[in-house]
Amino acid sequence: MKIKPYGDTSNDGKVQLSFTLPIAAGALGIEAAKQLGKQMGIIDPAVVNMEAIGENYSFYIVYGPVIHQVDLSVLKVTEITTPTFDKEAVEKMIAEEFDRDLVFIGASTGTDAHTVGIDAIMNMKGYAGHYGLERYAGIKAYNLGSQVQNEDFIQEAKRRHADVLLVSQTVTQKDVHLKNLIELVELLEAEHLRNDVILICGGARITHELAKELGYDAGFGPGKYAEDVASYAVLELIRRKKTTLKK
């Protein structure tokens, strides 16, 4: 099955993209934006918005159709296949499978100062009607906040005997977030702790595939809530417990 972008009518190929140019807003900037659009494959691109954003810098939104299409039949994706349960079902699983509370520790690590994502997953009030892990019976959730160094994060995990580590990363310039995520894995391995915890990362541009490549157990991107993370983590803890008992 082949598909094209949709804008005004089905399969019209319409796309919209935005970018900043190091040039003052004006006719020359509009023409430069159009030419960039053409080079990117947009047919007859239209500049639908232009704004000056500082001296000799301007912002553009370009709109128009592309001829490109995607064949879905040849695409391969890596995604989490475990089901998502509601809060009550997760709590029931914990009560039935464990004789103690599970410990979840979360933070925005490294230089990341953004806490919206980790707060949405961890804090009691949650986000958009989805309660955070602090409200779950059977889960002790500790939100360490932002700009937590990896070494401090690991020490807190050791001190609290964490079962699950949640790392929130907002994409930063020059892929600093990727280096920070990799460093955490390496430090956990050096402490011989990597296999003792479920390691999960999340963020606006984090995918499960990327997380696996970086050495994490799972990755959660936009549109995921506490119940998605809790369901995966608890099911994985149950699986590991049963695997250990069989040995």
Protein backbone atom coordinates (compact mmCIF):
# COMPACT_ATOMS: atom_id res chain seq x y z
CA MET A 1 0.00 0.00 0.00
CA LYS A 2 1.42 3.34 -1.06
CA ILE A 3 0.45 6.61 0.57
CA LYS A 4 1.12 10.31 0.06
CA PRO A 5 0.80 13.25 2.45
CA TYR A 6 -2.68 14.69 2.88
CA GLY A 7 -3.41 18.41 3.00
CA ASP A 8 -6.60 19.65 1.38
CA THR A 9 -7.84 16.52 -0.39
CA SER A 10 -6.89 12.84 -0.19
CA ASN A 11 -3.47 12.01 -1.68
CA ASP A 12 -2.83 15.57 -2.82
CA GLY A 13 0.73 15.32 -1.49
CA LYS A 14 0.51 18.65 0.37
CA VAL A 15 3.17 19.23 3.02
CA GLN A 16 4.14 22.13 5.26
CA LEU A 17 7.61 22.83 6.53
CA SER A 18 9.17 25.61 8.54
CA PHE A 19 12.69 26.92 8.89
CA THR A 20 14.80 29.95 9.73
CA LEU A 21 17.11 31.71 7.28
CA PRO A 22 20.04 34.00 8.17
CA ILE A 23 18.57 36.86 6.15
CA ALA A 24 16.30 39.80 6.85
CA ALA A 25 12.58 39.30 6.21
CA GLY A 26 11.64 40.52 2.75
CA ALA A 27 11.25 39.63 -0.90
CA LEU A 28 14.73 38.10 -1.14
CA GLY A 29 14.01 35.87 1.84
CA ILE A 30 10.70 34.73 0.35
CA GLU A 31 12.37 33.79 -2.92
CA ALA A 32 15.15 31.96 -1.07
CA ALA A 33 12.53 30.00 0.91
CA LYS A 34 10.73 29.08 -2.32
CA GLN A 35 13.91 27.85 -3.95
CA LEU A 36 14.75 25.73 -0.90
CA GLY A 37 11.26 24.25 -1.08
CA LYS A 38 11.75 23.34 -4.73
CA GLN A 39 15.10 21.71 -3.98
CA MET A 40 13.37 19.64 -1.29
CA GLY A 41 10.88 18.32 -3.84
CA ILE A 42 7.93 20.66 -3.27
CA ILE A 43 6.13 21.53 -6.49
CA ASP A 44 5.35 25.25 -6.84
CA PRO A 45 6.00 26.02 -3.13
CA ALA A 46 4.14 28.90 -1.55
CA VAL A 47 5.48 30.92 1.37
CA VAL A 48 2.40 31.19 3.57
CA ASN A 49 4.09 32.93 6.48
CA MET A 50 7.18 35.07 7.04
CA GLU A 51 8.30 36.67 10.28
CA ALA A 52 11.33 38.69 11.28
CA ILE A 53 12.93 37.07 14.32
CA GLY A 54 15.88 39.36 14.84
CA GLU A 55 18.42 41.34 12.93
CA ASN A 56 19.15 39.53 9.66
CA TYR A 57 17.12 36.45 10.64
CA SER A 58 13.67 35.45 9.42
CA PHE A 59 11.26 32.55 9.82
CA TYR A 60 9.27 30.94 6.99
CA ILE A 61 6.47 28.44 6.53
CA VAL A 62 6.37 26.87 3.08
CA TYR A 63 3.40 24.91 1.74
CA GLY A 64 2.90 22.82 -1.39
CA PRO A 65 2.58 19.33 -2.91
CA VAL A 66 5.28 16.68 -3.32
CA ILE A 67 5.30 13.79 -5.77
CA HIS A 68 6.90 11.40 -3.29
CA GLN A 69 4.98 8.52 -1.75
CA VAL A 70 5.73 5.79 0.77
CA ASP A 71 5.19 2.06 0.28
CA LEU A 72 3.98 0.81 3.67
CA SER A 73 4.49 -2.82 2.70
CA VAL A 74 8.28 -2.49 2.75
CA LEU A 75 8.59 -0.54 5.98
CA LYS A 76 9.93 -2.19 9.13
CA VAL A 77 9.43 -0.65 12.56
CA THR A 78 10.48 -1.59 16.08
CA GLU A 79 7.77 -0.95 18.64
CA ILE A 80 6.68 -2.04 22.08
CA THR A 81 4.29 -4.97 21.76
CA THR A 82 3.20 -5.34 25.38
CA PRO A 83 -0.40 -4.26 26.05
CA THR A 84 -1.32 -1.18 28.05
CA PHE A 85 -3.52 -1.66 31.11
CA ASP A 86 -5.35 0.95 33.12
CA LYS A 87 -4.18 2.04 36.56
CA GLU A 88 -6.38 -0.41 38.47
CA ALA A 89 -5.22 -3.37 36.39
CA VAL A 90 -1.57 -2.46 36.90
CA GLU A 91 -2.11 -2.18 40.64
CA LYS A 92 -3.79 -5.59 40.66
CA MET A 93 -0.87 -7.19 38.82
CA ILE A 94 1.60 -5.74 41.31
CA ALA A 95 -0.44 -6.98 44.28
CA GLU A 96 -0.73 -10.48 42.81
CA GLU A 97 2.86 -10.89 41.65
CA PHE A 98 4.95 -9.05 44.24
CA ASP A 99 5.08 -8.98 48.03
CA ARG A 100 6.54 -5.47 48.14
CA ASP A 101 6.23 -2.09 46.49
CA LEU A 102 8.08 -1.54 43.23
CA VAL A 103 10.50 1.38 43.12
CA PHE A 104 10.50 3.73 40.13
CA ILE A 105 13.05 6.55 39.98
CA GLY A 106 12.82 9.21 37.29
CA ALA A 107 14.68 12.34 36.28
CA SER A 108 15.66 14.64 33.46
CA THR A 109 19.36 13.90 33.45
CA GLY A 110 22.48 15.69 32.34
CA THR A 111 21.99 19.34 31.38
CA ASP A 112 18.30 18.83 30.54
CA ALA A 113 16.26 21.41 32.46
CA HIS A 114 12.85 20.34 31.12
CA THR A 115 10.55 18.48 33.52
CA VAL A 116 7.19 18.51 31.72
CA GLY A 117 7.65 14.99 30.38
CA ILE A 118 8.94 13.33 33.54
CA ASP A 119 6.38 15.21 35.64
CA ALA A 120 3.56 13.94 33.42
CA ILE A 121 4.66 10.35 34.01
CA MET A 122 5.72 10.56 37.65
CA ASN A 123 3.72 13.22 39.48
CA MET A 124 0.50 12.30 41.22
CA LYS A 125 -1.71 14.61 39.15
CA GLY A 126 -0.26 13.25 35.91
CA TYR A 127 -1.34 14.81 32.63
CA ALA A 128 -4.56 15.11 30.63
CA GLY A 129 -6.51 12.96 33.04
CA HIS A 130 -3.87 10.24 33.19
CA TYR A 131 -2.66 9.92 36.79
CA GLY A 132 1.09 9.71 37.38
CA LEU A 133 2.99 6.87 39.02
CA GLU A 134 2.98 8.56 42.43
CA ARG A 135 -0.75 7.76 42.64
CA TYR A 136 -0.35 4.04 41.89
CA ALA A 137 -0.77 1.61 44.77
CA GLY A 138 2.20 -0.73 44.90
CA ILE A 139 4.60 1.77 43.32
CA LYS A 140 7.01 4.04 45.15
CA ALA A 141 7.78 6.77 42.64
CA TYR A 142 10.62 9.23 43.17
CA ASN A 143 10.91 12.16 40.76
CA LEU A 144 14.37 13.69 41.11
CA GLY A 145 13.60 16.62 38.82
CA SER A 146 15.89 18.17 36.23
CA GLN A 147 19.61 18.48 35.54
CA VAL A 148 20.42 15.38 37.55
CA GLN A 149 23.90 14.10 36.77
CA ASN A 150 24.08 10.46 35.73
CA GLU A 151 26.36 9.59 38.63
CA ASP A 152 23.90 11.08 41.14
CA PHE A 153 21.01 9.33 39.43
CA ILE A 154 22.75 5.98 39.80
CA GLN A 155 23.63 6.58 43.43
CA GLU A 156 20.00 7.35 44.21
CA ALA A 157 18.95 4.19 42.36
CA LYS A 158 21.35 2.16 44.48
CA ARG A 159 20.24 3.82 47.70
CA ARG A 160 16.56 3.15 47.05
CA HIS A 161 17.07 -0.28 45.44
CA ALA A 162 15.29 0.82 42.29
CA ASP A 163 13.48 -1.62 40.04
CA VAL A 164 12.87 0.83 37.20
CA LEU A 165 14.81 3.88 36.01
CA LEU A 166 12.99 6.48 33.91
CA VAL A 167 15.07 9.02 32.01
CA SER A 168 13.47 11.99 30.28
CA GLN A 169 15.44 13.77 27.56
CA THR A 170 14.41 16.77 25.53
CA VAL A 171 16.28 16.85 22.24
CA THR A 172 19.12 19.32 22.43
CA GLN A 173 21.60 20.84 20.03
CA LYS A 174 24.34 18.65 18.57
CA ASP A 175 22.77 15.47 19.99
CA VAL A 176 23.90 16.14 23.56
CA HIS A 177 20.94 14.09 24.78
CA LEU A 178 22.18 11.00 22.91
CA LYS A 179 25.63 11.26 24.46
CA ASN A 180 24.05 11.62 27.90
CA LEU A 181 21.80 8.60 27.38
CA ILE A 182 24.73 6.48 26.26
CA GLU A 183 26.83 7.63 29.21
CA LEU A 184 24.17 6.46 31.66
CA VAL A 185 24.17 2.98 30.16
CA GLU A 186 27.95 2.82 30.31
CA LEU A 187 28.00 3.94 33.95
CA LEU A 188 25.38 1.36 34.91
CA GLU A 189 27.42 -1.34 33.20
CA ALA A 190 30.56 -0.20 35.00
CA GLU A 191 28.68 -0.47 38.32
CA HIS A 192 27.38 -3.93 37.29
CA LEU A 193 23.83 -2.61 37.70
CA ARG A 194 22.56 -2.59 34.13
CA ASN A 195 20.91 -6.02 34.33
CA ASP A 196 19.41 -5.29 37.75
CA VAL A 197 17.06 -2.54 36.56
CA ILE A 198 14.58 -1.87 33.79
CA LEU A 199 15.95 1.16 31.97
CA ILE A 200 13.47 3.33 30.08
CA CYS A 201 13.95 6.64 28.29
CA GLY A 202 11.39 9.03 26.90
CA GLY A 203 11.05 12.35 25.17
CA ALA A 204 9.55 14.25 22.29
CA ARG A 205 11.80 12.57 19.71
CA ILE A 206 12.59 9.32 21.47
CA THR A 207 11.43 6.13 19.77
CA HIS A 208 11.52 2.56 20.99
CA GLU A 209 13.90 1.71 18.16
CA LEU A 210 16.32 4.48 19.15
CA ALA A 211 16.13 3.47 22.82
CA LYS A 212 17.02 -0.13 21.99
CA GLU A 213 19.96 1.02 19.87
CA LEU A 214 21.27 3.06 22.81
CA GLY A 215 21.08 0.12 25.20
CA TYR A 216 17.74 0.80 26.91
CA ASP A 217 14.96 -1.68 27.47
CA ALA A 218 12.27 0.58 26.06
CA GLY A 219 11.59 4.06 24.75
CA PHE A 220 8.41 6.11 24.87
CA GLY A 221 7.68 9.11 22.69
CA PRO A 222 4.82 11.62 22.40
CA GLY A 223 1.30 10.52 23.28
CA LYS A 224 2.36 8.05 25.97
CA TYR A 225 1.25 8.24 29.58
CA ALA A 226 1.99 6.72 32.98
CA GLU A 227 -0.14 3.65 32.29
CA ASP A 228 1.90 2.87 29.15
CA VAL A 229 5.16 3.03 31.09
CA ALA A 230 3.78 1.22 34.14
CA SER A 231 2.25 -1.58 32.07
CA TYR A 232 5.47 -2.24 30.20
CA ALA A 233 7.68 -2.06 33.32
CA VAL A 234 5.48 -4.26 35.51
CA LEU A 235 4.99 -6.89 32.80
CA GLU A 236 8.74 -6.95 32.17
CA LEU A 237 9.47 -7.30 35.89
CA ILE A 238 7.02 -10.21 36.06
CA ARG A 239 8.65 -11.84 33.04
CA ARG A 240 12.11 -11.51 34.55
CA LYS A 241 10.93 -12.88 37.89
CA LYS A 242 9.44 -15.96 36.25
CA THR A 243 12.55 -16.45 34.14
CA THR A 244 14.72 -16.36 37.27
CA LEU A 245 12.49 -18.87 39.07
CA LYS A 246 12.85 -21.33 36.19
CA LYS A 247 16.63 -21.33 36.41
